[in-house]
Amino acid sequence: MEFDLKRMFRYERNVGNQDRKIRYGAGILSILVSIFLGSIPLLLLGIALLASGYTRFCPAYAAMGRSTLPPCCAGKKKEAEAHACCGGEKAGQH
């Protein structure tokens, strides 16, 4: 595994649907726990997880050259360019 800072700043989608759902769940849980514990770092972690799920981009994945998208959708920047398997066009519109 190789860490590349230049790759980290290029925006290419690298978070798949299942990973996205996990990030949403973990982000919401982290925010709720942070409210009860009064933990600012946990709150920031939750916000970062929600943001990376929403944008479908993880800078750490990008720097490591990793992606959880199916191979047919890797690197697509817009939803319209993607396939139904990764949250883009609806099935049957290909």
N, C-alpha and C. Protein backbone atom coordinates (compact mmCIF):
# COMPACT_ATOMS: atom_id res chain seq x y z
N MET A 1 0.85 -1.16 0.00
CA MET A 1 0.00 0.00 0.00
C MET A 1 0.90 1.24 0.00
N GLU A 2 0.59 2.14 -0.92
CA GLU A 2 1.40 3.32 -1.11
C GLU A 2 0.57 4.57 -0.82
N PHE A 3 1.13 5.51 -0.07
CA PHE A 3 0.43 6.74 0.30
C PHE A 3 0.91 7.86 -0.60
N ASP A 4 0.01 8.50 -1.35
CA ASP A 4 0.36 9.54 -2.30
C ASP A 4 -0.47 10.79 -2.02
N LEU A 5 0.18 11.86 -1.56
CA LEU A 5 -0.54 13.09 -1.22
C LEU A 5 -1.17 13.75 -2.44
N LYS A 6 -0.53 13.70 -3.59
CA LYS A 6 -1.08 14.33 -4.79
C LYS A 6 -2.41 13.68 -5.17
N ARG A 7 -2.48 12.37 -5.05
CA ARG A 7 -3.70 11.64 -5.37
C ARG A 7 -4.81 12.00 -4.39
N MET A 8 -4.45 12.36 -3.18
CA MET A 8 -5.42 12.68 -2.14
C MET A 8 -6.22 13.93 -2.48
N PHE A 9 -5.66 14.86 -3.22
CA PHE A 9 -6.33 16.12 -3.51
C PHE A 9 -7.07 16.12 -4.84
N ARG A 10 -7.00 15.03 -5.60
CA ARG A 10 -7.80 14.90 -6.82
C ARG A 10 -9.14 14.30 -6.42
N TYR A 11 -10.21 14.99 -6.76
CA TYR A 11 -11.53 14.49 -6.38
C TYR A 11 -11.99 13.44 -7.39
N GLU A 12 -11.99 12.19 -6.97
CA GLU A 12 -12.56 11.09 -7.74
C GLU A 12 -13.36 10.25 -6.76
N ARG A 13 -14.58 9.96 -7.11
CA ARG A 13 -15.44 9.18 -6.22
C ARG A 13 -14.76 7.86 -5.89
N ASN A 14 -14.78 7.49 -4.62
CA ASN A 14 -14.15 6.23 -4.22
C ASN A 14 -14.89 5.54 -3.07
N VAL A 15 -16.11 5.97 -2.79
CA VAL A 15 -16.91 5.37 -1.73
C VAL A 15 -18.14 4.73 -2.36
N GLY A 16 -18.25 3.41 -2.23
CA GLY A 16 -19.37 2.66 -2.80
C GLY A 16 -20.62 2.75 -1.94
N ASN A 17 -21.71 2.16 -2.43
CA ASN A 17 -23.00 2.24 -1.73
C ASN A 17 -22.96 1.64 -0.34
N GLN A 18 -22.40 0.44 -0.19
CA GLN A 18 -22.37 -0.19 1.13
C GLN A 18 -21.50 0.61 2.09
N ASP A 19 -20.36 1.07 1.61
CA ASP A 19 -19.46 1.89 2.43
C ASP A 19 -20.16 3.19 2.82
N ARG A 20 -20.92 3.75 1.90
CA ARG A 20 -21.65 4.99 2.15
C ARG A 20 -22.67 4.80 3.29
N LYS A 21 -23.41 3.70 3.25
CA LYS A 21 -24.40 3.42 4.30
C LYS A 21 -23.72 3.23 5.66
N ILE A 22 -22.59 2.56 5.67
CA ILE A 22 -21.85 2.37 6.91
C ILE A 22 -21.37 3.70 7.46
N ARG A 23 -20.88 4.57 6.58
CA ARG A 23 -20.41 5.89 7.01
C ARG A 23 -21.55 6.73 7.58
N TYR A 24 -22.72 6.67 6.93
CA TYR A 24 -23.89 7.39 7.47
C TYR A 24 -24.25 6.88 8.86
N GLY A 25 -24.33 5.58 9.00
CA GLY A 25 -24.70 4.99 10.29
C GLY A 25 -23.69 5.32 11.38
N ALA A 26 -22.41 5.14 11.07
CA ALA A 26 -21.35 5.41 12.05
C ALA A 26 -21.28 6.91 12.37
N GLY A 27 -21.52 7.75 11.37
CA GLY A 27 -21.49 9.19 11.59
C GLY A 27 -22.61 9.65 12.50
N ILE A 28 -23.81 9.16 12.25
CA ILE A 28 -24.96 9.53 13.09
C ILE A 28 -24.76 9.01 14.51
N LEU A 29 -24.32 7.76 14.63
CA LEU A 29 -24.08 7.19 15.95
C LEU A 29 -23.00 7.99 16.70
N SER A 30 -21.95 8.35 15.99
CA SER A 30 -20.87 9.12 16.61
C SER A 30 -21.35 10.48 17.09
N ILE A 31 -22.19 11.13 16.30
CA ILE A 31 -22.72 12.43 16.69
C ILE A 31 -23.63 12.30 17.91
N LEU A 32 -24.49 11.28 17.92
CA LEU A 32 -25.38 11.09 19.06
C LEU A 32 -24.60 10.80 20.34
N VAL A 33 -23.59 9.95 20.25
CA VAL A 33 -22.78 9.63 21.43
C VAL A 33 -22.03 10.88 21.89
N SER A 34 -21.53 11.67 20.94
CA SER A 34 -20.78 12.88 21.31
C SER A 34 -21.66 13.88 22.04
N ILE A 35 -22.95 13.92 21.69
CA ILE A 35 -23.86 14.84 22.37
C ILE A 35 -24.01 14.44 23.85
N PHE A 36 -24.14 13.14 24.10
CA PHE A 36 -24.30 12.68 25.48
C PHE A 36 -23.01 12.77 26.28
N LEU A 37 -21.87 12.55 25.62
CA LEU A 37 -20.59 12.61 26.33
C LEU A 37 -19.96 13.99 26.33
N GLY A 38 -20.44 14.87 25.47
CA GLY A 38 -19.85 16.20 25.36
C GLY A 38 -18.47 16.16 24.74
N SER A 39 -18.26 15.26 23.80
CA SER A 39 -16.95 15.07 23.18
C SER A 39 -16.88 15.76 21.81
N ILE A 40 -16.08 16.80 21.72
CA ILE A 40 -15.91 17.53 20.47
C ILE A 40 -15.20 16.67 19.41
N PRO A 41 -14.12 15.95 19.74
CA PRO A 41 -13.47 15.12 18.71
C PRO A 41 -14.41 14.07 18.11
N LEU A 42 -15.26 13.48 18.93
CA LEU A 42 -16.22 12.50 18.44
C LEU A 42 -17.26 13.16 17.54
N LEU A 43 -17.65 14.37 17.86
CA LEU A 43 -18.58 15.12 17.03
C LEU A 43 -17.95 15.41 15.66
N LEU A 44 -16.69 15.84 15.66
CA LEU A 44 -16.00 16.12 14.40
C LEU A 44 -15.83 14.87 13.55
N LEU A 45 -15.55 13.75 14.21
CA LEU A 45 -15.45 12.48 13.49
C LEU A 45 -16.78 12.13 12.83
N GLY A 46 -17.87 12.31 13.54
CA GLY A 46 -19.20 12.04 12.98
C GLY A 46 -19.51 12.92 11.79
N ILE A 47 -19.17 14.19 11.90
CA ILE A 47 -19.41 15.12 10.79
C ILE A 47 -18.56 14.73 9.58
N ALA A 48 -17.30 14.34 9.81
CA ALA A 48 -16.42 13.93 8.71
C ALA A 48 -16.96 12.67 8.03
N LEU A 49 -17.47 11.72 8.82
CA LEU A 49 -18.03 10.50 8.23
C LEU A 49 -19.27 10.81 7.39
N LEU A 50 -20.15 11.68 7.90
CA LEU A 50 -21.33 12.06 7.13
C LEU A 50 -20.94 12.79 5.84
N ALA A 51 -19.96 13.67 5.93
CA ALA A 51 -19.52 14.42 4.75
C ALA A 51 -18.91 13.50 3.71
N SER A 52 -18.09 12.55 4.12
CA SER A 52 -17.46 11.65 3.14
C SER A 52 -18.50 10.70 2.54
N GLY A 53 -19.54 10.35 3.29
CA GLY A 53 -20.61 9.54 2.73
C GLY A 53 -21.43 10.32 1.72
N TYR A 54 -21.70 11.58 2.04
CA TYR A 54 -22.49 12.42 1.15
C TYR A 54 -21.76 12.73 -0.16
N THR A 55 -20.49 13.08 -0.05
CA THR A 55 -19.72 13.43 -1.25
C THR A 55 -19.19 12.21 -1.99
N ARG A 56 -19.24 11.05 -1.33
CA ARG A 56 -18.74 9.79 -1.89
C ARG A 56 -17.25 9.87 -2.19
N PHE A 57 -16.54 10.66 -1.39
CA PHE A 57 -15.10 10.82 -1.56
C PHE A 57 -14.43 10.74 -0.20
N CYS A 58 -13.42 9.89 -0.10
CA CYS A 58 -12.65 9.77 1.14
C CYS A 58 -11.19 10.10 0.81
N PRO A 59 -10.65 11.19 1.36
CA PRO A 59 -9.27 11.56 1.06
C PRO A 59 -8.26 10.48 1.45
N ALA A 60 -8.51 9.77 2.54
CA ALA A 60 -7.59 8.70 2.95
C ALA A 60 -7.59 7.57 1.94
N TYR A 61 -8.78 7.19 1.43
CA TYR A 61 -8.85 6.17 0.39
C TYR A 61 -8.10 6.63 -0.86
N ALA A 62 -8.29 7.90 -1.23
CA ALA A 62 -7.64 8.44 -2.42
C ALA A 62 -6.13 8.39 -2.29
N ALA A 63 -5.62 8.77 -1.13
CA ALA A 63 -4.17 8.78 -0.92
C ALA A 63 -3.58 7.38 -0.98
N MET A 64 -4.37 6.39 -0.57
CA MET A 64 -3.89 5.00 -0.60
C MET A 64 -4.21 4.31 -1.92
N GLY A 65 -4.94 4.99 -2.81
CA GLY A 65 -5.31 4.39 -4.08
C GLY A 65 -6.39 3.33 -3.93
N ARG A 66 -7.21 3.44 -2.92
CA ARG A 66 -8.23 2.45 -2.63
C ARG A 66 -9.61 2.97 -3.05
N SER A 67 -10.50 2.06 -3.40
CA SER A 67 -11.85 2.43 -3.76
C SER A 67 -12.78 1.28 -3.42
N THR A 68 -13.99 1.61 -2.96
CA THR A 68 -14.99 0.57 -2.70
C THR A 68 -16.08 0.61 -3.75
N LEU A 69 -15.89 1.39 -4.81
CA LEU A 69 -16.81 1.42 -5.92
C LEU A 69 -16.62 0.18 -6.80
N PRO A 70 -17.67 -0.26 -7.49
CA PRO A 70 -17.48 -1.34 -8.46
C PRO A 70 -16.53 -0.85 -9.57
N PRO A 71 -15.80 -1.74 -10.21
CA PRO A 71 -14.83 -1.32 -11.23
C PRO A 71 -15.44 -0.50 -12.37
N CYS A 72 -16.73 -0.71 -12.68
CA CYS A 72 -17.36 0.02 -13.78
C CYS A 72 -17.59 1.49 -13.43
N CYS A 73 -17.55 1.85 -12.15
CA CYS A 73 -17.88 3.21 -11.73
C CYS A 73 -16.69 3.95 -11.11
N ALA A 74 -15.58 3.32 -10.96
CA ALA A 74 -14.44 3.92 -10.27
C ALA A 74 -14.01 5.21 -10.96
N GLY A 75 -13.90 6.26 -10.16
CA GLY A 75 -13.38 7.53 -10.66
C GLY A 75 -14.40 8.45 -11.30
N LYS A 76 -15.66 8.05 -11.40
CA LYS A 76 -16.67 8.93 -11.99
C LYS A 76 -16.91 10.10 -11.05
N LYS A 77 -16.94 11.31 -11.59
CA LYS A 77 -17.08 12.49 -10.75
C LYS A 77 -18.53 12.90 -10.55
N LYS A 78 -19.40 12.61 -11.50
CA LYS A 78 -20.78 13.04 -11.41
C LYS A 78 -21.71 11.85 -11.32
N GLU A 79 -22.83 12.06 -10.65
CA GLU A 79 -23.81 10.99 -10.52
C GLU A 79 -24.32 10.54 -11.88
N ALA A 80 -24.49 11.47 -12.82
CA ALA A 80 -25.04 11.13 -14.12
C ALA A 80 -24.11 10.21 -14.92
N GLU A 81 -22.81 10.26 -14.64
CA GLU A 81 -21.85 9.43 -15.36
C GLU A 81 -21.80 8.02 -14.80
N ALA A 82 -22.31 7.84 -13.60
CA ALA A 82 -22.18 6.55 -12.91
C ALA A 82 -23.30 5.61 -13.32
N HIS A 83 -23.14 4.36 -12.98
CA HIS A 83 -24.14 3.34 -13.25
C HIS A 83 -25.06 3.19 -12.05
N ALA A 84 -26.12 2.42 -12.23
CA ALA A 84 -27.07 2.19 -11.15
C ALA A 84 -26.40 1.48 -9.97
N CYS A 85 -25.36 0.68 -10.24
CA CYS A 85 -24.70 -0.07 -9.19
C CYS A 85 -23.95 0.83 -8.20
N CYS A 86 -23.70 2.07 -8.58
CA CYS A 86 -22.97 2.95 -7.67
C CYS A 86 -23.71 4.26 -7.44
N GLY A 87 -25.01 4.25 -7.64
CA GLY A 87 -25.83 5.41 -7.27
C GLY A 87 -26.06 6.41 -8.36
N GLY A 88 -25.76 6.10 -9.59
CA GLY A 88 -25.95 7.04 -10.69
C GLY A 88 -27.29 6.85 -11.37
N GLU A 89 -27.26 6.56 -12.68
CA GLU A 89 -28.48 6.41 -13.46
C GLU A 89 -29.33 5.27 -12.91
N LYS A 90 -30.60 5.38 -13.15
CA LYS A 90 -31.51 4.32 -12.71
C LYS A 90 -31.31 3.10 -13.61
N ALA A 91 -31.56 1.94 -13.08
CA ALA A 91 -31.41 0.71 -13.84
C ALA A 91 -32.31 0.76 -15.07
N GLY A 92 -31.78 0.30 -16.19
CA GLY A 92 -32.54 0.25 -17.42
C GLY A 92 -32.37 1.49 -18.27
N GLN A 93 -31.66 2.51 -17.82
CA GLN A 93 -31.45 3.72 -18.60
C GLN A 93 -30.09 3.74 -19.28
N HIS A 94 -29.39 2.65 -19.29
CA HIS A 94 -28.04 2.59 -19.91
C HIS A 94 -28.15 2.61 -21.40
